[in-house]
């Protein structure tokens, strides 16, 4: 054991480093305690907060608003197990919903800042088998349950249970509108449907 006579023991490097660190941190802690509190709410991971009013939900117009916004061609979205009824474009501009009871795909413009959805007027807002509600007409879209976008966002694909089909659409990357490919290439079906290619 070392002993020091008449002299102060040398300071160990770890002790010096610790005392220096404390000297730096104590003023910062005092500053943090007196800092003004932020008026912004604390965001929790995974917490969902619904947008207020009509921006917080959209229902098919046949249902009636009930506090939600209304849209055309939105009856029965994705009712089957395994359905992928909704797709968001990679650029964040559009949302597409497969609506089985409407035999349609509803198209929405998405506000990138708020997340709110707006359906464009006329054919730019939906595609359907019969062109009901001012939608663009499509072939082989009987009971669609799932939609998917190509990685670059130029094409949309939909599966439809009632017509046993896959339908193919070109997506306008500026407006989000859908245009089905020409007959024979815009639809592939396991049952005979005029305008669809067989499998």
N, C-alpha and C. Protein backbone atom coordinates (compact mmCIF):
# COMPACT_ATOMS: atom_id res chain seq x y z
N UNK A 1 0.84 -1.19 0.00
CA UNK A 1 0.00 0.00 0.00
C UNK A 1 0.88 1.24 0.00
N UNK A 2 0.53 2.23 -0.89
CA UNK A 2 1.31 3.43 -0.99
C UNK A 2 0.92 4.41 0.10
N UNK A 3 1.91 5.12 0.62
CA UNK A 3 1.61 6.16 1.60
C UNK A 3 2.35 7.41 1.20
N UNK A 4 1.72 8.55 1.46
CA UNK A 4 2.31 9.84 1.10
C UNK A 4 2.52 10.64 2.37
N UNK A 5 3.70 11.10 2.58
CA UNK A 5 4.02 11.82 3.80
C UNK A 5 4.29 13.28 3.49
N UNK A 6 3.47 14.12 4.07
CA UNK A 6 3.69 15.54 3.94
C UNK A 6 3.31 16.11 2.59
N UNK A 7 2.74 15.30 1.74
CA UNK A 7 2.35 15.81 0.40
C UNK A 7 0.98 15.28 0.05
N UNK A 8 0.27 16.02 -0.77
CA UNK A 8 -1.06 15.62 -1.21
C UNK A 8 -0.94 14.53 -2.27
N UNK A 9 -1.77 13.45 -2.21
CA UNK A 9 -1.67 12.39 -3.22
C UNK A 9 -2.03 12.93 -4.60
N UNK A 10 -1.37 12.41 -5.64
CA UNK A 10 -1.66 12.89 -6.99
C UNK A 10 -3.09 12.55 -7.39
N UNK A 11 -3.70 13.42 -8.19
CA UNK A 11 -5.07 13.18 -8.66
C UNK A 11 -5.06 12.11 -9.74
N UNK A 12 -6.00 11.19 -9.67
CA UNK A 12 -6.11 10.15 -10.70
C UNK A 12 -6.84 10.71 -11.92
N UNK A 13 -6.47 10.32 -13.12
CA UNK A 13 -7.09 10.86 -14.34
C UNK A 13 -8.61 10.69 -14.36
N UNK A 14 -9.14 9.56 -13.91
CA UNK A 14 -10.60 9.32 -13.94
C UNK A 14 -11.32 10.29 -13.03
N UNK A 15 -10.78 10.57 -11.89
CA UNK A 15 -11.41 11.50 -10.95
C UNK A 15 -11.41 12.90 -11.51
N UNK A 16 -10.32 13.28 -12.17
CA UNK A 16 -10.24 14.61 -12.77
C UNK A 16 -11.28 14.74 -13.88
N UNK A 17 -11.39 13.71 -14.73
CA UNK A 17 -12.35 13.74 -15.84
C UNK A 17 -13.78 13.83 -15.32
N UNK A 18 -14.10 13.09 -14.24
CA UNK A 18 -15.44 13.11 -13.68
C UNK A 18 -15.80 14.47 -13.11
N UNK A 19 -14.87 15.07 -12.37
CA UNK A 19 -15.17 16.38 -11.79
C UNK A 19 -15.32 17.43 -12.88
N UNK A 20 -14.57 17.32 -13.98
CA UNK A 20 -14.70 18.26 -15.09
C UNK A 20 -16.05 18.12 -15.78
N UNK A 21 -16.49 16.87 -15.97
CA UNK A 21 -17.78 16.61 -16.60
C UNK A 21 -18.93 17.16 -15.76
N UNK A 22 -18.86 16.97 -14.44
CA UNK A 22 -19.91 17.50 -13.57
C UNK A 22 -19.95 19.02 -13.60
N UNK A 23 -18.78 19.63 -13.68
CA UNK A 23 -18.74 21.09 -13.75
C UNK A 23 -19.43 21.62 -15.00
N UNK A 24 -19.37 20.84 -16.10
CA UNK A 24 -20.02 21.25 -17.34
C UNK A 24 -21.53 20.99 -17.32
N UNK A 25 -21.94 19.85 -16.73
CA UNK A 25 -23.34 19.43 -16.79
C UNK A 25 -24.24 20.18 -15.82
N UNK A 26 -23.75 20.55 -14.66
CA UNK A 26 -24.62 21.18 -13.66
C UNK A 26 -25.26 22.47 -14.17
N UNK A 27 -24.52 23.38 -14.82
CA UNK A 27 -25.18 24.59 -15.36
C UNK A 27 -26.22 24.26 -16.43
N UNK A 28 -25.96 23.23 -17.24
CA UNK A 28 -26.92 22.85 -18.28
C UNK A 28 -28.20 22.30 -17.67
N UNK A 29 -28.07 21.50 -16.62
CA UNK A 29 -29.27 20.96 -15.96
C UNK A 29 -30.11 22.09 -15.38
N UNK A 30 -29.45 23.08 -14.78
CA UNK A 30 -30.18 24.20 -14.21
C UNK A 30 -30.90 24.98 -15.30
N UNK A 31 -30.24 25.14 -16.44
CA UNK A 31 -30.85 25.85 -17.56
C UNK A 31 -32.08 25.09 -18.07
N UNK A 32 -31.98 23.75 -18.17
CA UNK A 32 -33.11 22.94 -18.64
C UNK A 32 -34.29 23.02 -17.71
N UNK A 33 -34.05 23.09 -16.42
CA UNK A 33 -35.13 23.16 -15.44
C UNK A 33 -35.90 24.45 -15.55
N UNK A 34 -35.22 25.51 -15.95
CA UNK A 34 -35.87 26.82 -16.05
C UNK A 34 -36.33 27.16 -17.46
N UNK A 35 -36.14 26.24 -18.42
CA UNK A 35 -36.50 26.51 -19.81
C UNK A 35 -38.01 26.59 -19.94
N UNK A 36 -38.52 27.45 -20.83
CA UNK A 36 -39.98 27.55 -21.03
C UNK A 36 -40.53 26.27 -21.61
N UNK A 37 -41.72 25.89 -21.18
CA UNK A 37 -42.37 24.67 -21.67
C UNK A 37 -42.93 24.90 -23.07
N UNK A 38 -42.82 23.88 -23.94
CA UNK A 38 -43.32 23.98 -25.31
C UNK A 38 -44.84 23.88 -25.32
N UNK A 39 -45.46 24.64 -26.21
CA UNK A 39 -46.92 24.58 -26.33
C UNK A 39 -47.37 23.46 -27.26
N UNK A 40 -46.41 22.82 -27.95
CA UNK A 40 -46.76 21.73 -28.85
C UNK A 40 -47.04 20.45 -28.07
N UNK A 41 -48.07 19.68 -28.47
CA UNK A 41 -48.34 18.42 -27.76
C UNK A 41 -47.24 17.40 -28.01
N UNK A 42 -47.02 16.56 -27.04
CA UNK A 42 -46.02 15.50 -27.20
C UNK A 42 -46.62 14.40 -28.08
N UNK A 43 -45.89 14.02 -29.12
CA UNK A 43 -46.37 12.98 -30.02
C UNK A 43 -45.89 11.62 -29.51
N UNK A 44 -46.82 10.70 -29.37
CA UNK A 44 -46.48 9.37 -28.90
C UNK A 44 -46.38 8.44 -30.09
N UNK A 45 -45.41 7.54 -30.05
CA UNK A 45 -45.25 6.59 -31.15
C UNK A 45 -46.49 5.71 -31.28
N UNK A 46 -46.99 5.61 -32.52
CA UNK A 46 -48.12 4.74 -32.78
C UNK A 46 -49.48 5.32 -32.47
N UNK A 47 -49.54 6.51 -31.89
CA UNK A 47 -50.82 7.10 -31.52
C UNK A 47 -51.51 7.68 -32.75
N UNK A 48 -52.79 7.39 -32.92
CA UNK A 48 -53.57 7.91 -34.04
C UNK A 48 -54.52 8.99 -33.56
N UNK A 49 -54.52 10.11 -34.23
CA UNK A 49 -55.45 11.19 -33.92
C UNK A 49 -56.25 11.49 -35.17
N UNK A 50 -57.56 11.25 -35.14
CA UNK A 50 -58.41 11.46 -36.31
C UNK A 50 -58.54 12.94 -36.63
N UNK A 51 -58.49 13.26 -37.91
CA UNK A 51 -58.69 14.65 -38.32
C UNK A 51 -60.11 15.08 -37.95
N UNK A 52 -60.28 16.35 -37.72
CA UNK A 52 -61.58 16.86 -37.27
C UNK A 52 -62.59 16.92 -38.41
N UNK A 53 -63.87 16.72 -38.07
CA UNK A 53 -64.98 16.91 -39.00
C UNK A 53 -64.92 16.01 -40.22
N UNK A 54 -65.32 16.57 -41.36
CA UNK A 54 -65.41 15.80 -42.60
C UNK A 54 -64.05 15.36 -43.12
N UNK A 55 -62.98 15.99 -42.64
CA UNK A 55 -61.65 15.57 -43.07
C UNK A 55 -61.23 14.26 -42.41
N UNK A 56 -61.93 13.87 -41.34
CA UNK A 56 -61.53 12.70 -40.57
C UNK A 56 -62.07 11.38 -41.07
N UNK A 57 -63.04 11.40 -41.99
CA UNK A 57 -63.57 10.15 -42.54
C UNK A 57 -64.35 10.44 -43.82
N UNK A 58 -64.43 9.42 -44.68
CA UNK A 58 -65.16 9.53 -45.94
C UNK A 58 -66.02 8.29 -46.09
N UNK A 59 -67.30 8.46 -46.43
CA UNK A 59 -68.21 7.34 -46.64
C UNK A 59 -68.87 7.46 -48.01
N UNK A 60 -69.41 6.34 -48.48
CA UNK A 60 -70.14 6.38 -49.74
C UNK A 60 -71.35 7.30 -49.60
N UNK A 61 -71.64 8.07 -50.62
CA UNK A 61 -72.71 9.06 -50.52
C UNK A 61 -74.09 8.45 -50.29
N UNK A 62 -74.25 7.15 -50.59
CA UNK A 62 -75.54 6.49 -50.34
C UNK A 62 -75.80 6.30 -48.85
N UNK A 63 -74.76 6.32 -48.03
CA UNK A 63 -74.88 6.13 -46.59
C UNK A 63 -75.37 7.40 -45.91
N UNK A 64 -75.00 8.55 -46.44
CA UNK A 64 -75.29 9.82 -45.77
C UNK A 64 -74.10 10.23 -44.95
N UNK A 65 -73.87 11.52 -44.81
CA UNK A 65 -72.62 11.99 -44.19
C UNK A 65 -72.41 11.56 -42.75
N UNK A 66 -73.35 11.88 -41.85
CA UNK A 66 -73.17 11.53 -40.44
C UNK A 66 -71.89 12.09 -39.85
N UNK A 67 -71.50 13.27 -40.29
CA UNK A 67 -70.27 13.88 -39.79
C UNK A 67 -69.05 13.61 -40.64
N UNK A 68 -69.16 12.68 -41.60
CA UNK A 68 -68.05 12.35 -42.50
C UNK A 68 -68.23 13.04 -43.85
N UNK A 69 -67.16 13.13 -44.60
CA UNK A 69 -67.25 13.56 -45.98
C UNK A 69 -67.86 12.45 -46.81
N UNK A 70 -68.43 12.76 -47.97
CA UNK A 70 -69.03 11.73 -48.83
C UNK A 70 -68.26 11.62 -50.14
N UNK A 71 -68.37 10.43 -50.75
CA UNK A 71 -67.67 10.17 -52.01
C UNK A 71 -68.50 9.25 -52.88
N UNK A 72 -68.20 9.26 -54.15
CA UNK A 72 -68.85 8.34 -55.09
C UNK A 72 -68.06 7.03 -55.14
N UNK A 73 -68.76 5.94 -55.46
CA UNK A 73 -68.11 4.64 -55.72
C UNK A 73 -67.28 4.14 -54.55
N UNK A 74 -67.83 4.22 -53.34
CA UNK A 74 -67.09 3.81 -52.15
C UNK A 74 -67.85 2.80 -51.30
N UNK A 75 -68.81 2.09 -51.90
CA UNK A 75 -69.59 1.10 -51.15
C UNK A 75 -68.85 -0.23 -51.05
N UNK A 76 -68.68 -0.72 -49.84
CA UNK A 76 -68.09 -2.04 -49.61
C UNK A 76 -66.62 -2.15 -49.89
N UNK A 77 -65.77 -1.28 -49.32
CA UNK A 77 -64.35 -1.41 -49.58
C UNK A 77 -63.73 -2.63 -48.91
N UNK A 78 -63.06 -3.46 -49.70
CA UNK A 78 -62.28 -4.59 -49.18
C UNK A 78 -62.98 -5.46 -48.17
N UNK A 79 -64.11 -6.14 -48.51
CA UNK A 79 -64.86 -6.88 -47.50
C UNK A 79 -64.33 -8.27 -47.20
N UNK A 80 -63.34 -8.76 -47.93
CA UNK A 80 -62.93 -10.15 -47.79
C UNK A 80 -61.60 -10.27 -47.05
N UNK A 81 -61.42 -11.38 -46.35
CA UNK A 81 -60.17 -11.63 -45.65
C UNK A 81 -59.02 -11.62 -46.65
N UNK A 82 -57.98 -10.91 -46.30
CA UNK A 82 -56.82 -10.83 -47.19
C UNK A 82 -56.92 -9.72 -48.21
N UNK A 83 -58.02 -8.95 -48.20
CA UNK A 83 -58.15 -7.84 -49.14
C UNK A 83 -57.11 -6.77 -48.87
N UNK A 84 -56.63 -6.19 -49.93
CA UNK A 84 -55.75 -5.02 -49.84
C UNK A 84 -56.48 -3.90 -50.57
N UNK A 85 -57.50 -3.36 -49.90
CA UNK A 85 -58.44 -2.47 -50.56
C UNK A 85 -57.93 -1.07 -50.77
N UNK A 86 -56.82 -0.72 -50.18
CA UNK A 86 -56.35 0.67 -50.27
C UNK A 86 -54.89 0.72 -50.68
N UNK A 87 -54.57 1.69 -51.54
CA UNK A 87 -53.19 1.89 -51.97
C UNK A 87 -52.90 3.38 -52.01
N UNK A 88 -51.74 3.76 -51.50
CA UNK A 88 -51.30 5.15 -51.52
C UNK A 88 -50.15 5.25 -52.53
N UNK A 89 -50.23 6.21 -53.43
CA UNK A 89 -49.17 6.36 -54.42
C UNK A 89 -47.85 6.74 -53.74
N UNK A 90 -46.76 6.31 -54.35
CA UNK A 90 -45.45 6.56 -53.77
C UNK A 90 -45.11 8.04 -53.62
N UNK A 91 -45.70 8.88 -54.47
CA UNK A 91 -45.46 10.32 -54.37
C UNK A 91 -46.35 10.98 -53.32
N UNK A 92 -47.25 10.19 -52.71
CA UNK A 92 -48.12 10.71 -51.66
C UNK A 92 -49.28 11.54 -52.14
N UNK A 93 -49.48 11.64 -53.46
CA UNK A 93 -50.52 12.52 -54.00
C UNK A 93 -51.91 11.91 -54.01
N UNK A 94 -51.99 10.57 -54.15
CA UNK A 94 -53.29 9.93 -54.35
C UNK A 94 -53.49 8.72 -53.47
N UNK A 95 -54.79 8.43 -53.20
CA UNK A 95 -55.20 7.22 -52.50
C UNK A 95 -56.26 6.54 -53.38
N UNK A 96 -56.13 5.22 -53.53
CA UNK A 96 -57.06 4.43 -54.35
C UNK A 96 -57.72 3.37 -53.47
N UNK A 97 -59.04 3.21 -53.62
CA UNK A 97 -59.79 2.27 -52.79
C UNK A 97 -60.62 1.35 -53.67
N UNK A 98 -60.44 0.03 -53.51
CA UNK A 98 -61.26 -0.96 -54.21
C UNK A 98 -62.59 -1.09 -53.47
N UNK A 99 -63.70 -0.82 -54.18
CA UNK A 99 -65.04 -0.83 -53.57
C UNK A 99 -65.88 -1.92 -54.21
N UNK A 100 -66.03 -3.04 -53.51
CA UNK A 100 -66.64 -4.23 -54.13
C UNK A 100 -68.11 -4.06 -54.47
N UNK A 101 -68.88 -3.39 -53.59
CA UNK A 101 -70.31 -3.25 -53.87
C UNK A 101 -70.58 -2.18 -54.93
N UNK A 102 -69.64 -1.29 -55.14
CA UNK A 102 -69.78 -0.28 -56.19
C UNK A 102 -69.22 -0.78 -57.52
N UNK A 103 -68.55 -1.96 -57.51
CA UNK A 103 -67.85 -2.44 -58.71
C UNK A 103 -66.96 -1.33 -59.25
N UNK A 104 -66.17 -0.74 -58.36
CA UNK A 104 -65.43 0.47 -58.73
C UNK A 104 -64.14 0.61 -57.93
N UNK A 105 -63.32 1.54 -58.42
CA UNK A 105 -62.16 2.01 -57.68
C UNK A 105 -62.36 3.51 -57.46
N UNK A 106 -62.41 3.92 -56.20
CA UNK A 106 -62.55 5.34 -55.87
C UNK A 106 -61.15 5.96 -55.84
N UNK A 107 -61.05 7.18 -56.37
CA UNK A 107 -59.77 7.89 -56.48
C UNK A 107 -59.84 9.16 -55.63
N UNK A 108 -58.81 9.38 -54.84
CA UNK A 108 -58.76 10.57 -53.99
C UNK A 108 -57.43 11.30 -54.17
N UNK A 109 -57.50 12.62 -54.08
CA UNK A 109 -56.31 13.45 -53.99
C UNK A 109 -56.01 13.61 -52.51
N UNK A 110 -54.75 13.45 -52.15
CA UNK A 110 -54.34 13.49 -50.74
C UNK A 110 -53.55 14.77 -50.47
N UNK A 111 -53.97 15.49 -49.44
CA UNK A 111 -53.23 16.67 -49.00
C UNK A 111 -52.00 16.18 -48.23
N UNK A 112 -50.82 16.45 -48.75
CA UNK A 112 -49.61 15.92 -48.14
C UNK A 112 -49.34 16.50 -46.76
N UNK A 113 -49.82 17.69 -46.49
CA UNK A 113 -49.57 18.33 -45.21
C UNK A 113 -50.52 17.83 -44.13
N UNK A 114 -51.84 17.74 -44.46
CA UNK A 114 -52.84 17.36 -43.45
C UNK A 114 -53.27 15.90 -43.55
N UNK A 115 -53.08 15.27 -44.71
CA UNK A 115 -53.56 13.90 -44.91
C UNK A 115 -55.00 13.81 -45.36
N UNK A 116 -55.71 14.94 -45.45
CA UNK A 116 -57.12 14.93 -45.84
C UNK A 116 -57.29 14.47 -47.29
N UNK A 117 -58.43 13.80 -47.57
CA UNK A 117 -58.72 13.27 -48.90
C UNK A 117 -59.83 14.05 -49.58
N UNK A 118 -59.66 14.29 -50.88
CA UNK A 118 -60.66 14.96 -51.70
C UNK A 118 -60.84 14.17 -52.98
N UNK A 119 -62.10 13.89 -53.33
CA UNK A 119 -62.35 13.14 -54.57
C UNK A 119 -62.51 14.11 -55.74
N UNK A 120 -61.72 13.94 -56.80
CA UNK A 120 -61.89 14.79 -57.98
C UNK A 120 -63.27 14.60 -58.61
N UNK A 121 -63.75 15.62 -59.29
CA UNK A 121 -65.05 15.54 -59.95
C UNK A 121 -64.97 14.67 -61.21
N UNK A 122 -66.13 14.15 -61.62
CA UNK A 122 -66.23 13.43 -62.88
C UNK A 122 -65.41 12.16 -62.95
N UNK A 123 -64.93 11.85 -64.17
CA UNK A 123 -64.22 10.59 -64.42
C UNK A 123 -62.87 10.51 -63.73
N UNK A 124 -62.34 11.63 -63.30
CA UNK A 124 -61.06 11.62 -62.59
C UNK A 124 -61.17 11.13 -61.17
N UNK A 125 -62.43 10.94 -60.67
CA UNK A 125 -62.61 10.55 -59.28
C UNK A 125 -62.93 9.09 -59.05
N UNK A 126 -63.17 8.32 -60.12
CA UNK A 126 -63.48 6.90 -59.96
C UNK A 126 -63.57 6.20 -61.31
N UNK A 127 -63.40 4.88 -61.29
CA UNK A 127 -63.65 4.03 -62.46
C UNK A 127 -64.59 2.92 -62.01
N UNK A 128 -65.56 2.56 -62.84
CA UNK A 128 -66.50 1.50 -62.46
C UNK A 128 -66.98 0.75 -63.69
N UNK A 129 -67.57 -0.41 -63.43
CA UNK A 129 -68.04 -1.27 -64.53
C UNK A 129 -69.08 -0.57 -65.39
N UNK A 130 -70.03 0.10 -64.77
CA UNK A 130 -71.12 0.72 -65.53
C UNK A 130 -70.93 2.23 -65.72
N UNK A 131 -69.87 2.77 -65.16
CA UNK A 131 -69.68 4.21 -65.26
C UNK A 131 -70.67 5.01 -64.44
N UNK A 132 -71.26 4.36 -63.41
CA UNK A 132 -72.25 5.05 -62.56
C UNK A 132 -71.61 6.22 -61.82
N UNK A 133 -72.44 7.21 -61.48
CA UNK A 133 -71.97 8.34 -60.70
C UNK A 133 -70.95 9.21 -61.41
N UNK A 134 -70.94 9.14 -62.73
CA UNK A 134 -69.99 9.94 -63.49
C UNK A 134 -68.59 9.36 -63.54
N UNK A 135 -68.43 8.11 -63.12
CA UNK A 135 -67.11 7.46 -63.14
C UNK A 135 -66.71 7.09 -64.57
N UNK A 136 -65.42 6.94 -64.79
CA UNK A 136 -64.93 6.38 -66.04
C UNK A 136 -65.33 4.91 -66.09
N UNK A 137 -65.61 4.41 -67.28
CA UNK A 137 -66.06 3.02 -67.43
C UNK A 137 -64.88 2.07 -67.46
N UNK A 138 -65.06 0.88 -66.86
CA UNK A 138 -64.01 -0.15 -66.85
C UNK A 138 -64.62 -1.51 -67.15
N UNK A 139 -63.79 -2.43 -67.63
CA UNK A 139 -64.22 -3.80 -67.94
C UNK A 139 -63.59 -4.75 -66.92
N UNK A 140 -64.36 -5.75 -66.46
CA UNK A 140 -63.82 -6.78 -65.58
C UNK A 140 -63.59 -6.34 -64.16
N UNK A 141 -64.32 -5.34 -63.72
CA UNK A 141 -64.13 -4.80 -62.37
C UNK A 141 -65.33 -5.15 -61.49
N UNK A 142 -65.76 -6.41 -61.55
CA UNK A 142 -66.92 -6.87 -60.77
C UNK A 142 -66.47 -7.34 -59.39
N UNK A 143 -66.83 -6.58 -58.37
CA UNK A 143 -66.45 -6.94 -57.00
C UNK A 143 -64.97 -6.81 -56.72
N UNK A 144 -64.34 -5.68 -57.05
CA UNK A 144 -62.91 -5.53 -56.76
C UNK A 144 -62.64 -5.53 -55.26
N UNK A 145 -61.56 -6.20 -54.86
CA UNK A 145 -61.25 -6.26 -53.43
C UNK A 145 -59.84 -5.81 -53.10
N UNK A 146 -58.95 -5.74 -54.07
CA UNK A 146 -57.58 -5.34 -53.79
C UNK A 146 -57.01 -4.48 -54.91
N UNK A 147 -56.16 -3.53 -54.54
CA UNK A 147 -55.47 -2.69 -55.53
C UNK A 147 -53.99 -2.62 -55.17
N UNK A 148 -53.16 -2.43 -56.20
CA UNK A 148 -51.72 -2.29 -55.99
C UNK A 148 -51.16 -1.38 -57.07
N UNK A 149 -50.18 -0.57 -56.70
CA UNK A 149 -49.53 0.33 -57.63
C UNK A 149 -48.14 -0.20 -57.98
N UNK A 150 -47.72 0.03 -59.22
CA UNK A 150 -46.37 -0.35 -59.63
C UNK A 150 -45.37 0.56 -58.91
N UNK A 151 -44.13 0.10 -58.75
CA UNK A 151 -43.14 0.87 -57.96
C UNK A 151 -42.94 2.31 -58.44
N UNK A 152 -42.98 2.54 -59.74
CA UNK A 152 -42.77 3.91 -60.24
C UNK A 152 -44.05 4.72 -60.27
N UNK A 153 -45.20 4.08 -59.93
CA UNK A 153 -46.47 4.79 -59.80
C UNK A 153 -47.22 5.05 -61.09
N UNK A 154 -46.82 4.42 -62.19
CA UNK A 154 -47.47 4.69 -63.47
C UNK A 154 -48.63 3.75 -63.76
N UNK A 155 -48.74 2.63 -63.03
CA UNK A 155 -49.78 1.65 -63.30
C UNK A 155 -50.45 1.20 -62.01
N UNK A 156 -51.75 0.88 -62.13
CA UNK A 156 -52.50 0.33 -61.00
C UNK A 156 -53.13 -0.98 -61.43
N UNK A 157 -53.09 -1.97 -60.54
CA UNK A 157 -53.66 -3.29 -60.79
C UNK A 157 -54.73 -3.57 -59.74
N UNK A 158 -55.82 -4.20 -60.18
CA UNK A 158 -56.90 -4.54 -59.24
C UNK A 158 -57.33 -5.98 -59.45
N UNK A 159 -57.59 -6.68 -58.35
CA UNK A 159 -58.17 -8.02 -58.43
C UNK A 159 -59.65 -7.91 -58.09
N UNK A 160 -60.46 -8.71 -58.79
CA UNK A 160 -61.92 -8.68 -58.58
C UNK A 160 -62.42 -10.10 -58.43
N UNK A 161 -63.07 -10.38 -57.30
CA UNK A 161 -63.54 -11.74 -57.01
C UNK A 161 -64.67 -12.19 -57.94
N UNK A 162 -65.66 -11.33 -58.14
CA UNK A 162 -66.84 -11.75 -58.92
C UNK A 162 -66.50 -12.02 -60.38
N UNK A 163 -65.54 -11.28 -60.93
CA UNK A 163 -65.18 -11.49 -62.33
C UNK A 163 -63.91 -12.33 -62.48
N UNK A 164 -63.37 -12.83 -61.36
CA UNK A 164 -62.15 -13.66 -61.41
C UNK A 164 -61.08 -13.01 -62.28
N UNK A 165 -60.84 -11.73 -62.04
CA UNK A 165 -59.99 -10.99 -62.98
C UNK A 165 -58.93 -10.14 -62.30
N UNK A 166 -57.96 -9.77 -63.12
CA UNK A 166 -56.99 -8.74 -62.78
C UNK A 166 -57.13 -7.66 -63.85
N UNK A 167 -57.37 -6.43 -63.43
CA UNK A 167 -57.52 -5.33 -64.37
C UNK A 167 -56.30 -4.41 -64.26
N UNK A 168 -55.95 -3.79 -65.39
CA UNK A 168 -54.74 -2.97 -65.47
C UNK A 168 -55.10 -1.56 -65.93
N UNK A 169 -54.58 -0.56 -65.21
CA UNK A 169 -54.87 0.84 -65.52
C UNK A 169 -53.58 1.64 -65.62
N UNK A 170 -53.59 2.59 -66.52
CA UNK A 170 -52.52 3.59 -66.55
C UNK A 170 -52.89 4.70 -65.58
N UNK A 171 -51.94 5.14 -64.76
CA UNK A 171 -52.18 6.22 -63.80
C UNK A 171 -51.55 7.51 -64.30
N UNK A 172 -52.36 8.55 -64.36
CA UNK A 172 -51.84 9.87 -64.69
C UNK A 172 -51.12 10.39 -63.45
N UNK A 173 -49.80 10.53 -63.51
CA UNK A 173 -49.03 10.90 -62.32
C UNK A 173 -49.25 12.35 -61.90
N UNK A 174 -49.86 13.15 -62.77
CA UNK A 174 -50.16 14.54 -62.40
C UNK A 174 -51.51 14.67 -61.71
N UNK A 175 -52.53 13.98 -62.25
CA UNK A 175 -53.89 14.12 -61.71
C UNK A 175 -54.33 12.94 -60.86
N UNK A 176 -53.69 11.78 -61.03
CA UNK A 176 -54.10 10.58 -60.31
C UNK A 176 -55.18 9.79 -61.02
N UNK A 177 -55.72 10.30 -62.13
CA UNK A 177 -56.80 9.62 -62.86
C UNK A 177 -56.32 8.29 -63.44
N UNK A 178 -57.26 7.35 -63.57
CA UNK A 178 -56.97 6.01 -64.11
C UNK A 178 -57.61 5.82 -65.48
N UNK A 179 -56.87 5.21 -66.39
CA UNK A 179 -57.40 4.85 -67.72
C UNK A 179 -57.07 3.39 -67.97
N UNK A 180 -58.09 2.57 -68.21
CA UNK A 180 -57.84 1.15 -68.43
C UNK A 180 -57.15 0.92 -69.77
N UNK A 181 -56.27 -0.07 -69.81
CA UNK A 181 -55.61 -0.43 -71.06
C UNK A 181 -56.66 -0.86 -72.08
N UNK A 182 -56.27 -0.92 -73.32
CA UNK A 182 -57.17 -1.29 -74.41
C UNK A 182 -57.73 -2.69 -74.20
N UNK A 183 -58.95 -2.97 -74.74
CA UNK A 183 -59.54 -4.30 -74.61
C UNK A 183 -58.55 -5.39 -75.02
N UNK A 184 -58.52 -6.43 -74.20
CA UNK A 184 -57.59 -7.53 -74.46
C UNK A 184 -56.32 -7.42 -73.65
N UNK A 185 -55.91 -6.20 -73.29
CA UNK A 185 -54.70 -6.04 -72.49
C UNK A 185 -54.99 -5.37 -71.14
N UNK A 186 -56.21 -4.82 -70.99
CA UNK A 186 -56.56 -4.13 -69.75
C UNK A 186 -57.25 -5.02 -68.74
N UNK A 187 -57.43 -6.30 -69.08
CA UNK A 187 -58.13 -7.21 -68.18
C UNK A 187 -57.77 -8.65 -68.53
N UNK A 188 -57.50 -9.44 -67.52
CA UNK A 188 -57.29 -10.88 -67.68
C UNK A 188 -58.25 -11.56 -66.73
N UNK A 189 -59.05 -12.51 -67.26
CA UNK A 189 -60.08 -13.14 -66.44
C UNK A 189 -60.10 -14.65 -66.63
N UNK A 190 -60.51 -15.34 -65.54
CA UNK A 190 -60.67 -16.78 -65.60
C UNK A 190 -62.02 -17.21 -66.13
N UNK A 191 -62.93 -16.27 -66.38
CA UNK A 191 -64.24 -16.57 -66.96
C UNK A 191 -64.41 -15.70 -68.20
N UNK A 192 -65.27 -16.12 -69.14
CA UNK A 192 -65.44 -15.33 -70.37
C UNK A 192 -66.11 -13.98 -70.08
N UNK A 193 -65.39 -12.89 -70.31
CA UNK A 193 -65.90 -11.54 -70.16
C UNK A 193 -65.51 -10.75 -71.40
N UNK A 194 -66.46 -10.17 -72.10
CA UNK A 194 -66.13 -9.36 -73.27
C UNK A 194 -65.14 -8.24 -72.92
N UNK A 195 -64.06 -8.19 -73.69
CA UNK A 195 -63.04 -7.19 -73.45
C UNK A 195 -61.89 -7.65 -72.58
N UNK A 196 -62.04 -8.85 -71.97
CA UNK A 196 -60.96 -9.40 -71.14
C UNK A 196 -60.28 -10.56 -71.85
N UNK A 197 -59.00 -10.67 -71.67
CA UNK A 197 -58.26 -11.82 -72.18
C UNK A 197 -58.50 -13.01 -71.25
N UNK A 198 -58.56 -14.20 -71.83
CA UNK A 198 -58.72 -15.41 -71.02
C UNK A 198 -57.40 -15.89 -70.46
N UNK A 199 -57.49 -16.79 -69.47
CA UNK A 199 -56.26 -17.34 -68.91
C UNK A 199 -56.04 -18.74 -69.43
